[in-house]
Amino acid sequence: MIKIGLTGSPASGKTTVLKMLAAKGARIFDSDRLIDQIYNNPEHPAYKRLAEFFPDSFREERVIREKLAVEVFENKEKLRNLEEVIHPVVIRALRQWLEAEAKEKVSVAEVPLLFEKELEELFDKVILVDCRESILFKRLEEKCGLGKEAIRQRLSLFLPPGEKRKKCNFILTNNTDFNKLKKEVDSLWQKIGKI
């Protein structure tokens, strides 16, 4: 088995790459999907703690992600509260998943804060989905309706791209179109098969 971590900045294209690798036969762990499941499950202990910390970000027993994001990215203490609730749940689930997948040939876990939470030791190899900052800004403006200052604030929570590049085994560049990215993933999959 080869355990691969997949990381990158917000809107870099991590989820797209994860889906491409799944289509090729990789077993995948999607941390964003897990968080969505928590946000939509009133019975989950983490959901209940979030409801205590962020009552204004709930509507009809669901977390409104956009509202929660505004709350936490404007207040470091609230961001810390969110991380204290969510990160241990995700990391525990990730560790359990990796253990359960021990016999699978290729397992890929999407972990946006892989380096920031010092999770490198869980993986044999790490893939970075890289993207020019100007393109990240454009995507985040379109996707989330964020202004430049809000985007800078969010990106500042991540290790700078240059530092990430030094730590990764594989780098996929997602500056242009889907077809180019697909070709890069095809090439990457061949390299993984030779490990």
N, C-alpha and C. Protein backbone atom coordinates (compact mmCIF):
# COMPACT_ATOMS: atom_id res chain seq x y z
N MET A 1 0.84 -1.20 0.00
CA MET A 1 0.00 0.00 0.00
C MET A 1 0.87 1.25 0.00
N ILE A 2 0.45 2.24 -0.75
CA ILE A 2 1.09 3.55 -0.68
C ILE A 2 0.06 4.55 -0.18
N LYS A 3 0.43 5.27 0.86
CA LYS A 3 -0.45 6.27 1.46
C LYS A 3 -0.02 7.65 0.98
N ILE A 4 -0.92 8.35 0.33
CA ILE A 4 -0.59 9.64 -0.27
C ILE A 4 -1.45 10.74 0.32
N GLY A 5 -0.81 11.81 0.73
CA GLY A 5 -1.52 13.00 1.18
C GLY A 5 -1.65 13.97 0.02
N LEU A 6 -2.81 14.59 -0.10
CA LEU A 6 -3.08 15.56 -1.17
C LEU A 6 -3.41 16.89 -0.51
N THR A 7 -2.66 17.93 -0.86
CA THR A 7 -2.88 19.21 -0.20
C THR A 7 -2.75 20.35 -1.20
N GLY A 8 -3.05 21.56 -0.72
CA GLY A 8 -3.00 22.75 -1.57
C GLY A 8 -3.83 23.85 -0.96
N SER A 9 -3.72 25.02 -1.51
CA SER A 9 -4.48 26.18 -1.01
C SER A 9 -5.96 26.04 -1.34
N PRO A 10 -6.81 26.83 -0.67
CA PRO A 10 -8.23 26.85 -1.05
C PRO A 10 -8.38 27.23 -2.52
N ALA A 11 -9.26 26.55 -3.22
CA ALA A 11 -9.57 26.81 -4.64
C ALA A 11 -8.44 26.44 -5.59
N SER A 12 -7.48 25.67 -5.12
CA SER A 12 -6.37 25.26 -6.00
C SER A 12 -6.77 24.13 -6.94
N GLY A 13 -7.80 23.35 -6.56
CA GLY A 13 -8.24 22.24 -7.40
C GLY A 13 -8.04 20.88 -6.76
N LYS A 14 -7.88 20.85 -5.43
CA LYS A 14 -7.63 19.58 -4.73
C LYS A 14 -8.76 18.57 -4.95
N THR A 15 -9.99 19.04 -4.82
CA THR A 15 -11.14 18.12 -4.94
C THR A 15 -11.23 17.54 -6.35
N THR A 16 -10.94 18.36 -7.35
CA THR A 16 -10.95 17.88 -8.73
C THR A 16 -9.91 16.79 -8.92
N VAL A 17 -8.71 17.01 -8.39
CA VAL A 17 -7.64 16.01 -8.50
C VAL A 17 -8.03 14.74 -7.74
N LEU A 18 -8.62 14.89 -6.58
CA LEU A 18 -9.05 13.73 -5.79
C LEU A 18 -10.03 12.87 -6.59
N LYS A 19 -10.97 13.51 -7.25
CA LYS A 19 -11.95 12.78 -8.07
C LYS A 19 -11.27 12.07 -9.24
N MET A 20 -10.30 12.73 -9.85
CA MET A 20 -9.57 12.11 -10.96
C MET A 20 -8.83 10.86 -10.49
N LEU A 21 -8.20 10.95 -9.32
CA LEU A 21 -7.46 9.81 -8.79
C LEU A 21 -8.40 8.68 -8.38
N ALA A 22 -9.57 9.04 -7.87
CA ALA A 22 -10.57 8.02 -7.52
C ALA A 22 -11.02 7.28 -8.77
N ALA A 23 -11.19 8.01 -9.87
CA ALA A 23 -11.62 7.39 -11.13
C ALA A 23 -10.57 6.41 -11.66
N LYS A 24 -9.32 6.61 -11.27
CA LYS A 24 -8.25 5.71 -11.70
C LYS A 24 -8.10 4.50 -10.78
N GLY A 25 -8.84 4.49 -9.68
CA GLY A 25 -8.80 3.33 -8.79
C GLY A 25 -8.26 3.60 -7.40
N ALA A 26 -7.84 4.82 -7.12
CA ALA A 26 -7.35 5.12 -5.77
C ALA A 26 -8.52 5.13 -4.78
N ARG A 27 -8.25 4.66 -3.58
CA ARG A 27 -9.20 4.80 -2.49
C ARG A 27 -9.00 6.22 -1.93
N ILE A 28 -10.10 6.92 -1.64
CA ILE A 28 -9.94 8.33 -1.26
C ILE A 28 -10.59 8.67 0.08
N PHE A 29 -9.99 9.65 0.74
CA PHE A 29 -10.52 10.24 1.97
C PHE A 29 -10.69 11.72 1.68
N ASP A 30 -11.93 12.20 1.80
CA ASP A 30 -12.26 13.60 1.50
C ASP A 30 -12.61 14.32 2.79
N SER A 31 -11.67 15.08 3.33
CA SER A 31 -11.90 15.74 4.62
C SER A 31 -13.01 16.78 4.55
N ASP A 32 -13.14 17.46 3.41
CA ASP A 32 -14.22 18.45 3.28
C ASP A 32 -15.59 17.78 3.34
N ARG A 33 -15.69 16.62 2.73
CA ARG A 33 -16.96 15.88 2.76
C ARG A 33 -17.29 15.45 4.19
N LEU A 34 -16.28 15.00 4.92
CA LEU A 34 -16.49 14.61 6.31
C LEU A 34 -16.99 15.80 7.13
N ILE A 35 -16.38 16.96 6.92
CA ILE A 35 -16.81 18.16 7.66
C ILE A 35 -18.25 18.52 7.30
N ASP A 36 -18.61 18.39 6.02
CA ASP A 36 -20.00 18.64 5.61
C ASP A 36 -20.96 17.70 6.33
N GLN A 37 -20.55 16.44 6.48
CA GLN A 37 -21.41 15.48 7.18
C GLN A 37 -21.61 15.88 8.64
N ILE A 38 -20.56 16.39 9.26
CA ILE A 38 -20.68 16.86 10.65
C ILE A 38 -21.61 18.07 10.71
N TYR A 39 -21.43 18.98 9.76
CA TYR A 39 -22.22 20.21 9.75
C TYR A 39 -23.72 19.95 9.53
N ASN A 40 -24.04 18.79 8.99
CA ASN A 40 -25.44 18.48 8.68
C ASN A 40 -26.02 17.36 9.55
N ASN A 41 -25.32 17.04 10.64
CA ASN A 41 -25.78 15.95 11.51
C ASN A 41 -25.98 16.45 12.95
N PRO A 42 -27.20 16.83 13.30
CA PRO A 42 -27.46 17.36 14.66
C PRO A 42 -27.14 16.37 15.78
N GLU A 43 -26.99 15.08 15.43
CA GLU A 43 -26.69 14.08 16.45
C GLU A 43 -25.19 13.95 16.73
N HIS A 44 -24.38 14.52 15.86
CA HIS A 44 -22.92 14.39 16.02
C HIS A 44 -22.46 15.27 17.19
N PRO A 45 -21.63 14.73 18.08
CA PRO A 45 -21.15 15.53 19.23
C PRO A 45 -20.46 16.84 18.81
N ALA A 46 -19.71 16.80 17.69
CA ALA A 46 -19.03 18.01 17.23
C ALA A 46 -20.04 19.06 16.78
N TYR A 47 -21.11 18.62 16.14
CA TYR A 47 -22.18 19.54 15.72
C TYR A 47 -22.74 20.26 16.94
N LYS A 48 -22.99 19.52 18.01
CA LYS A 48 -23.58 20.10 19.21
C LYS A 48 -22.65 21.13 19.84
N ARG A 49 -21.36 20.85 19.82
CA ARG A 49 -20.40 21.83 20.36
C ARG A 49 -20.34 23.08 19.49
N LEU A 50 -20.40 22.89 18.17
CA LEU A 50 -20.40 24.04 17.27
C LEU A 50 -21.63 24.90 17.50
N ALA A 51 -22.77 24.27 17.74
CA ALA A 51 -24.01 25.01 17.98
C ALA A 51 -23.89 25.89 19.22
N GLU A 52 -23.10 25.44 20.20
CA GLU A 52 -22.88 26.25 21.40
C GLU A 52 -21.98 27.44 21.10
N PHE A 53 -20.93 27.19 20.32
CA PHE A 53 -19.96 28.26 20.01
C PHE A 53 -20.50 29.26 18.98
N PHE A 54 -21.26 28.76 17.99
CA PHE A 54 -21.65 29.58 16.85
C PHE A 54 -23.16 29.53 16.57
N PRO A 55 -23.99 29.89 17.52
CA PRO A 55 -25.45 29.77 17.31
C PRO A 55 -25.96 30.58 16.12
N ASP A 56 -25.29 31.69 15.79
CA ASP A 56 -25.75 32.54 14.69
C ASP A 56 -25.46 31.93 13.31
N SER A 57 -24.64 30.87 13.28
CA SER A 57 -24.28 30.26 11.99
C SER A 57 -25.09 29.00 11.70
N PHE A 58 -26.20 28.83 12.43
CA PHE A 58 -27.06 27.67 12.22
C PHE A 58 -28.44 28.10 11.74
N ARG A 59 -28.98 27.30 10.82
CA ARG A 59 -30.34 27.54 10.35
C ARG A 59 -30.97 26.19 10.00
N GLU A 60 -32.12 25.92 10.57
CA GLU A 60 -32.86 24.68 10.30
C GLU A 60 -31.96 23.45 10.46
N GLU A 61 -31.27 23.41 11.59
CA GLU A 61 -30.40 22.27 11.95
C GLU A 61 -29.30 22.01 10.92
N ARG A 62 -28.79 23.07 10.34
CA ARG A 62 -27.66 22.97 9.43
C ARG A 62 -26.71 24.13 9.67
N VAL A 63 -25.42 23.84 9.51
CA VAL A 63 -24.43 24.91 9.59
C VAL A 63 -24.43 25.65 8.26
N ILE A 64 -24.52 26.96 8.32
CA ILE A 64 -24.39 27.79 7.12
C ILE A 64 -22.90 28.11 6.98
N ARG A 65 -22.23 27.38 6.10
CA ARG A 65 -20.76 27.45 6.01
C ARG A 65 -20.26 28.87 5.74
N GLU A 66 -20.94 29.58 4.85
CA GLU A 66 -20.50 30.92 4.50
C GLU A 66 -20.54 31.84 5.72
N LYS A 67 -21.60 31.72 6.51
CA LYS A 67 -21.74 32.56 7.71
C LYS A 67 -20.71 32.19 8.76
N LEU A 68 -20.49 30.87 8.92
CA LEU A 68 -19.49 30.41 9.86
C LEU A 68 -18.10 30.89 9.45
N ALA A 69 -17.81 30.85 8.16
CA ALA A 69 -16.51 31.30 7.67
C ALA A 69 -16.27 32.77 8.00
N VAL A 70 -17.30 33.59 7.81
CA VAL A 70 -17.17 35.02 8.13
C VAL A 70 -16.87 35.18 9.63
N GLU A 71 -17.60 34.43 10.45
CA GLU A 71 -17.40 34.53 11.90
C GLU A 71 -15.97 34.19 12.30
N VAL A 72 -15.46 33.06 11.81
CA VAL A 72 -14.17 32.58 12.30
C VAL A 72 -12.98 33.31 11.68
N PHE A 73 -13.13 33.75 10.42
CA PHE A 73 -11.98 34.41 9.81
C PHE A 73 -11.87 35.88 10.23
N GLU A 74 -12.86 36.38 10.92
CA GLU A 74 -12.78 37.75 11.45
C GLU A 74 -12.40 37.77 12.93
N ASN A 75 -12.27 36.58 13.53
CA ASN A 75 -12.02 36.53 14.96
C ASN A 75 -11.14 35.30 15.26
N LYS A 76 -9.89 35.55 15.67
CA LYS A 76 -8.95 34.45 15.87
C LYS A 76 -9.39 33.50 16.98
N GLU A 77 -10.03 34.03 18.00
CA GLU A 77 -10.49 33.16 19.09
C GLU A 77 -11.58 32.21 18.59
N LYS A 78 -12.48 32.73 17.76
CA LYS A 78 -13.53 31.87 17.20
C LYS A 78 -12.94 30.83 16.25
N LEU A 79 -11.93 31.23 15.49
CA LEU A 79 -11.26 30.27 14.62
C LEU A 79 -10.63 29.15 15.45
N ARG A 80 -10.01 29.54 16.56
CA ARG A 80 -9.41 28.55 17.46
C ARG A 80 -10.48 27.61 18.01
N ASN A 81 -11.64 28.16 18.36
CA ASN A 81 -12.75 27.33 18.86
C ASN A 81 -13.18 26.31 17.80
N LEU A 82 -13.31 26.78 16.56
CA LEU A 82 -13.71 25.88 15.47
C LEU A 82 -12.69 24.76 15.29
N GLU A 83 -11.42 25.13 15.27
CA GLU A 83 -10.36 24.14 15.07
C GLU A 83 -10.32 23.12 16.21
N GLU A 84 -10.56 23.59 17.44
CA GLU A 84 -10.54 22.68 18.59
C GLU A 84 -11.66 21.64 18.51
N VAL A 85 -12.76 22.01 17.87
CA VAL A 85 -13.88 21.08 17.72
C VAL A 85 -13.68 20.15 16.53
N ILE A 86 -13.35 20.72 15.37
CA ILE A 86 -13.35 19.97 14.12
C ILE A 86 -12.07 19.16 13.88
N HIS A 87 -10.91 19.77 14.10
CA HIS A 87 -9.67 19.11 13.71
C HIS A 87 -9.43 17.76 14.40
N PRO A 88 -9.66 17.63 15.71
CA PRO A 88 -9.45 16.30 16.32
C PRO A 88 -10.35 15.23 15.71
N VAL A 89 -11.59 15.60 15.36
CA VAL A 89 -12.53 14.64 14.76
C VAL A 89 -12.01 14.19 13.40
N VAL A 90 -11.58 15.15 12.58
CA VAL A 90 -11.09 14.83 11.24
C VAL A 90 -9.80 14.01 11.31
N ILE A 91 -8.88 14.40 12.18
CA ILE A 91 -7.60 13.70 12.27
C ILE A 91 -7.81 12.27 12.79
N ARG A 92 -8.69 12.10 13.75
CA ARG A 92 -9.00 10.75 14.25
C ARG A 92 -9.60 9.88 13.13
N ALA A 93 -10.54 10.46 12.38
CA ALA A 93 -11.16 9.73 11.27
C ALA A 93 -10.13 9.38 10.20
N LEU A 94 -9.21 10.31 9.93
CA LEU A 94 -8.16 10.07 8.94
C LEU A 94 -7.27 8.91 9.37
N ARG A 95 -6.84 8.91 10.61
CA ARG A 95 -5.99 7.84 11.12
C ARG A 95 -6.70 6.48 11.04
N GLN A 96 -7.97 6.46 11.41
CA GLN A 96 -8.75 5.22 11.35
C GLN A 96 -8.90 4.74 9.91
N TRP A 97 -9.13 5.68 9.00
CA TRP A 97 -9.28 5.35 7.59
C TRP A 97 -7.99 4.76 7.03
N LEU A 98 -6.86 5.38 7.35
CA LEU A 98 -5.57 4.88 6.85
C LEU A 98 -5.30 3.47 7.37
N GLU A 99 -5.65 3.22 8.62
CA GLU A 99 -5.47 1.89 9.19
C GLU A 99 -6.37 0.87 8.48
N ALA A 100 -7.60 1.27 8.22
CA ALA A 100 -8.55 0.37 7.55
C ALA A 100 -8.16 0.09 6.11
N GLU A 101 -7.46 1.05 5.49
CA GLU A 101 -7.08 0.92 4.07
C GLU A 101 -5.72 0.27 3.89
N ALA A 102 -5.18 -0.30 4.94
CA ALA A 102 -3.79 -0.78 4.93
C ALA A 102 -3.48 -1.75 3.79
N LYS A 103 -4.47 -2.50 3.32
CA LYS A 103 -4.21 -3.49 2.27
C LYS A 103 -4.48 -2.97 0.87
N GLU A 104 -5.01 -1.75 0.77
CA GLU A 104 -5.30 -1.19 -0.56
C GLU A 104 -4.00 -0.73 -1.23
N LYS A 105 -3.96 -0.81 -2.54
CA LYS A 105 -2.73 -0.48 -3.26
C LYS A 105 -2.40 1.01 -3.18
N VAL A 106 -3.38 1.87 -3.48
CA VAL A 106 -3.15 3.32 -3.44
C VAL A 106 -4.29 3.98 -2.68
N SER A 107 -3.93 4.71 -1.62
CA SER A 107 -4.92 5.45 -0.84
C SER A 107 -4.50 6.92 -0.82
N VAL A 108 -5.45 7.79 -1.15
CA VAL A 108 -5.15 9.22 -1.24
C VAL A 108 -6.10 9.99 -0.31
N ALA A 109 -5.53 10.78 0.56
CA ALA A 109 -6.33 11.58 1.50
C ALA A 109 -6.14 13.06 1.21
N GLU A 110 -7.25 13.75 0.99
CA GLU A 110 -7.20 15.20 0.81
C GLU A 110 -7.17 15.85 2.19
N VAL A 111 -6.08 16.56 2.47
CA VAL A 111 -5.89 17.18 3.78
C VAL A 111 -5.38 18.61 3.55
N PRO A 112 -6.27 19.60 3.53
CA PRO A 112 -5.85 20.98 3.24
C PRO A 112 -4.76 21.50 4.18
N LEU A 113 -4.83 21.16 5.46
CA LEU A 113 -3.86 21.65 6.44
C LEU A 113 -2.82 20.58 6.80
N LEU A 114 -2.44 19.79 5.84
CA LEU A 114 -1.53 18.67 6.08
C LEU A 114 -0.24 19.11 6.76
N PHE A 115 0.41 20.12 6.23
CA PHE A 115 1.66 20.59 6.82
C PHE A 115 1.43 21.43 8.06
N GLU A 116 0.39 22.25 8.02
CA GLU A 116 0.10 23.14 9.14
C GLU A 116 -0.21 22.35 10.42
N LYS A 117 -0.80 21.16 10.26
CA LYS A 117 -1.12 20.30 11.41
C LYS A 117 -0.09 19.18 11.59
N GLU A 118 1.01 19.28 10.84
CA GLU A 118 2.14 18.35 10.96
C GLU A 118 1.71 16.89 10.83
N LEU A 119 1.01 16.60 9.73
CA LEU A 119 0.51 15.25 9.49
C LEU A 119 1.32 14.50 8.43
N GLU A 120 2.46 15.07 8.04
CA GLU A 120 3.26 14.45 6.97
C GLU A 120 3.64 13.01 7.29
N GLU A 121 3.90 12.73 8.57
CA GLU A 121 4.40 11.39 8.93
C GLU A 121 3.38 10.29 8.67
N LEU A 122 2.12 10.67 8.44
CA LEU A 122 1.09 9.67 8.15
C LEU A 122 1.17 9.12 6.72
N PHE A 123 1.96 9.81 5.87
CA PHE A 123 1.94 9.50 4.44
C PHE A 123 3.32 9.10 3.91
N ASP A 124 3.28 8.26 2.86
CA ASP A 124 4.51 7.87 2.18
C ASP A 124 4.95 8.96 1.20
N LYS A 125 3.96 9.59 0.56
CA LYS A 125 4.23 10.65 -0.41
C LYS A 125 3.18 11.74 -0.25
N VAL A 126 3.54 12.95 -0.69
CA VAL A 126 2.60 14.07 -0.63
C VAL A 126 2.52 14.75 -1.99
N ILE A 127 1.28 14.99 -2.44
CA ILE A 127 1.02 15.72 -3.68
C ILE A 127 0.56 17.13 -3.33
N LEU A 128 1.12 18.11 -4.01
CA LEU A 128 0.66 19.49 -3.88
C LEU A 128 -0.06 19.90 -5.15
N VAL A 129 -1.27 20.41 -5.02
CA VAL A 129 -1.95 21.04 -6.15
C VAL A 129 -1.63 22.52 -6.06
N ASP A 130 -0.83 22.99 -6.99
CA ASP A 130 -0.30 24.34 -6.95
C ASP A 130 -1.03 25.24 -7.94
N CYS A 131 -1.06 26.52 -7.63
CA CYS A 131 -1.79 27.46 -8.48
C CYS A 131 -1.25 28.86 -8.23
N ARG A 132 -1.13 29.66 -9.28
CA ARG A 132 -0.68 31.04 -9.12
C ARG A 132 -1.62 31.82 -8.20
N GLU A 133 -1.05 32.70 -7.41
CA GLU A 133 -1.85 33.47 -6.44
C GLU A 133 -2.93 34.29 -7.13
N SER A 134 -2.62 34.88 -8.27
CA SER A 134 -3.62 35.70 -8.97
C SER A 134 -4.83 34.87 -9.38
N ILE A 135 -4.60 33.61 -9.75
CA ILE A 135 -5.70 32.73 -10.13
C ILE A 135 -6.49 32.31 -8.90
N LEU A 136 -5.79 32.03 -7.80
CA LEU A 136 -6.48 31.71 -6.54
C LEU A 136 -7.42 32.85 -6.15
N PHE A 137 -6.92 34.07 -6.23
CA PHE A 137 -7.73 35.24 -5.88
C PHE A 137 -8.98 35.30 -6.75
N LYS A 138 -8.79 35.11 -8.04
CA LYS A 138 -9.93 35.17 -8.97
C LYS A 138 -10.96 34.09 -8.65
N ARG A 139 -10.47 32.85 -8.41
CA ARG A 139 -11.39 31.75 -8.10
C ARG A 139 -12.14 32.00 -6.80
N LEU A 140 -11.43 32.47 -5.78
CA LEU A 140 -12.08 32.70 -4.49
C LEU A 140 -13.05 33.88 -4.54
N GLU A 141 -12.73 34.86 -5.36
CA GLU A 141 -13.66 35.98 -5.56
C GLU A 141 -14.95 35.47 -6.20
N GLU A 142 -14.81 34.61 -7.22
CA GLU A 142 -15.98 34.09 -7.95
C GLU A 142 -16.75 33.06 -7.12
N LYS A 143 -16.01 32.17 -6.47
CA LYS A 143 -16.64 31.06 -5.75
C LYS A 143 -17.28 31.50 -4.43
N CYS A 144 -16.57 32.36 -3.70
CA CYS A 144 -17.03 32.70 -2.34
C CYS A 144 -17.48 34.16 -2.21
N GLY A 145 -17.29 34.94 -3.26
CA GLY A 145 -17.67 36.35 -3.19
C GLY A 145 -16.82 37.14 -2.22
N LEU A 146 -15.55 36.75 -2.08
CA LEU A 146 -14.67 37.41 -1.11
C LEU A 146 -13.92 38.57 -1.74
N GLY A 147 -13.63 39.57 -0.92
CA GLY A 147 -12.78 40.67 -1.34
C GLY A 147 -11.32 40.28 -1.16
N LYS A 148 -10.43 41.09 -1.71
CA LYS A 148 -9.00 40.78 -1.68
C LYS A 148 -8.45 40.66 -0.26
N GLU A 149 -8.88 41.54 0.63
CA GLU A 149 -8.37 41.50 2.01
C GLU A 149 -8.81 40.22 2.72
N ALA A 150 -10.06 39.82 2.51
CA ALA A 150 -10.56 38.58 3.12
C ALA A 150 -9.81 37.37 2.58
N ILE A 151 -9.50 37.39 1.29
CA ILE A 151 -8.75 36.29 0.69
C ILE A 151 -7.34 36.23 1.27
N ARG A 152 -6.69 37.38 1.37
CA ARG A 152 -5.34 37.41 1.96
C ARG A 152 -5.35 36.85 3.38
N GLN A 153 -6.37 37.21 4.12
CA GLN A 153 -6.50 36.75 5.51
C GLN A 153 -6.61 35.23 5.56
N ARG A 154 -7.43 34.66 4.69
CA ARG A 154 -7.61 33.21 4.68
C ARG A 154 -6.34 32.49 4.23
N LEU A 155 -5.71 32.99 3.18
CA LEU A 155 -4.51 32.34 2.67
C LEU A 155 -3.36 32.43 3.67
N SER A 156 -3.38 33.46 4.53
CA SER A 156 -2.31 33.63 5.52
C SER A 156 -2.30 32.51 6.56
N LEU A 157 -3.40 31.76 6.66
CA LEU A 157 -3.49 30.65 7.62
C LEU A 157 -2.75 29.40 7.12
N PHE A 158 -2.38 29.42 5.84
CA PHE A 158 -1.71 28.28 5.23
C PHE A 158 -0.21 28.56 5.09
N LEU A 159 0.57 27.49 5.13
CA LEU A 159 1.99 27.60 4.86
C LEU A 159 2.17 28.19 3.46
N PRO A 160 3.10 29.13 3.28
CA PRO A 160 3.30 29.72 1.94
C PRO A 160 3.59 28.64 0.89
N PRO A 161 3.09 28.85 -0.34
CA PRO A 161 3.28 27.85 -1.40
C PRO A 161 4.73 27.44 -1.60
N GLY A 162 5.65 28.39 -1.52
CA GLY A 162 7.07 28.05 -1.71
C GLY A 162 7.56 27.04 -0.70
N GLU A 163 7.12 27.17 0.54
CA GLU A 163 7.49 26.22 1.59
C GLU A 163 6.86 24.85 1.33
N LYS A 164 5.61 24.86 0.87
CA LYS A 164 4.95 23.59 0.57
C LYS A 164 5.65 22.85 -0.56
N ARG A 165 6.07 23.59 -1.57
CA ARG A 165 6.72 22.96 -2.72
C ARG A 165 7.96 22.18 -2.28
N LYS A 166 8.70 22.72 -1.31
CA LYS A 166 9.92 22.07 -0.83
C LYS A 166 9.62 20.75 -0.11
N LYS A 167 8.42 20.65 0.44
CA LYS A 167 8.07 19.49 1.27
C LYS A 167 7.36 18.38 0.50
N CYS A 168 6.95 18.66 -0.74
CA CYS A 168 6.11 17.71 -1.48
C CYS A 168 6.93 16.84 -2.44
N ASN A 169 6.42 15.64 -2.67
CA ASN A 169 7.06 14.72 -3.61
C ASN A 169 6.61 14.95 -5.05
N PHE A 170 5.35 15.36 -5.20
CA PHE A 170 4.77 15.60 -6.52
C PHE A 170 4.05 16.94 -6.51
N ILE A 171 4.18 17.69 -7.61
CA ILE A 171 3.48 18.98 -7.73
C ILE A 171 2.67 18.98 -9.02
N LEU A 172 1.38 19.22 -8.87
CA LEU A 172 0.49 19.38 -10.02
C LEU A 172 0.18 20.86 -10.16
N THR A 173 0.34 21.40 -11.36
CA THR A 173 0.08 22.82 -11.58
C THR A 173 -1.29 22.99 -12.22
N ASN A 174 -2.14 23.77 -11.55
CA ASN A 174 -3.51 23.95 -12.02
C ASN A 174 -3.79 25.43 -12.32
N ASN A 175 -3.05 25.95 -13.28
CA ASN A 175 -3.21 27.36 -13.65
C ASN A 175 -4.09 27.56 -14.88
N THR A 176 -4.27 26.51 -15.66
CA THR A 176 -4.96 26.72 -16.93
C THR A 176 -6.28 25.96 -16.99
N ASP A 177 -6.35 24.94 -17.83
CA ASP A 177 -7.65 24.29 -18.01
C ASP A 177 -7.67 22.85 -17.50
N PHE A 178 -8.87 22.31 -17.49
CA PHE A 178 -9.13 20.97 -16.97
C PHE A 178 -8.31 19.92 -17.72
N ASN A 179 -8.22 20.02 -19.03
CA ASN A 179 -7.52 19.00 -19.83
C ASN A 179 -6.03 18.94 -19.49
N LYS A 180 -5.43 20.10 -19.28
CA LYS A 180 -4.00 20.12 -18.91
C LYS A 180 -3.80 19.46 -17.55
N LEU A 181 -4.70 19.77 -16.61
CA LEU A 181 -4.61 19.17 -15.28
C LEU A 181 -4.78 17.65 -15.39
N LYS A 182 -5.71 17.22 -16.22
CA LYS A 182 -5.96 15.79 -16.40
C LYS A 182 -4.71 15.08 -16.93
N LYS A 183 -4.01 15.71 -17.86
CA LYS A 183 -2.78 15.12 -18.39
C LYS A 183 -1.73 15.00 -17.29
N GLU A 184 -1.66 16.00 -16.42
CA GLU A 184 -0.70 15.95 -15.31
C GLU A 184 -1.05 14.82 -14.35
N VAL A 185 -2.35 14.64 -14.10
CA VAL A 185 -2.78 13.56 -13.20
C VAL A 185 -2.50 12.20 -13.84
N ASP A 186 -2.72 12.08 -15.16
CA ASP A 186 -2.41 10.84 -15.88
C ASP A 186 -0.94 10.48 -15.70
N SER A 187 -0.08 11.46 -15.89
CA SER A 187 1.36 11.25 -15.75
C SER A 187 1.72 10.88 -14.31
N LEU A 188 1.10 11.56 -13.37
CA LEU A 188 1.34 11.28 -11.95
C LEU A 188 0.94 9.84 -11.61
N TRP A 189 -0.20 9.40 -12.13
CA TRP A 189 -0.69 8.06 -11.83
C TRP A 189 0.30 7.00 -12.32
N GLN A 190 0.91 7.25 -13.46
CA GLN A 190 1.94 6.31 -13.96
C GLN A 190 3.13 6.26 -13.02
N LYS A 191 3.53 7.43 -12.51
CA LYS A 191 4.66 7.47 -11.56
C LYS A 191 4.31 6.74 -10.28
N ILE A 192 3.09 6.92 -9.80
CA ILE A 192 2.66 6.24 -8.57
C ILE A 192 2.70 4.73 -8.76
N GLY A 193 2.31 4.28 -9.95
CA GLY A 193 2.31 2.85 -10.24
C GLY A 193 3.68 2.22 -10.22
N LYS A 194 4.72 3.03 -10.35
CA LYS A 194 6.10 2.52 -10.37
C LYS A 194 6.75 2.53 -8.99
N ILE A 195 6.04 3.08 -8.00
CA ILE A 195 6.62 3.18 -6.65
C ILE A 195 6.57 1.81 -5.97
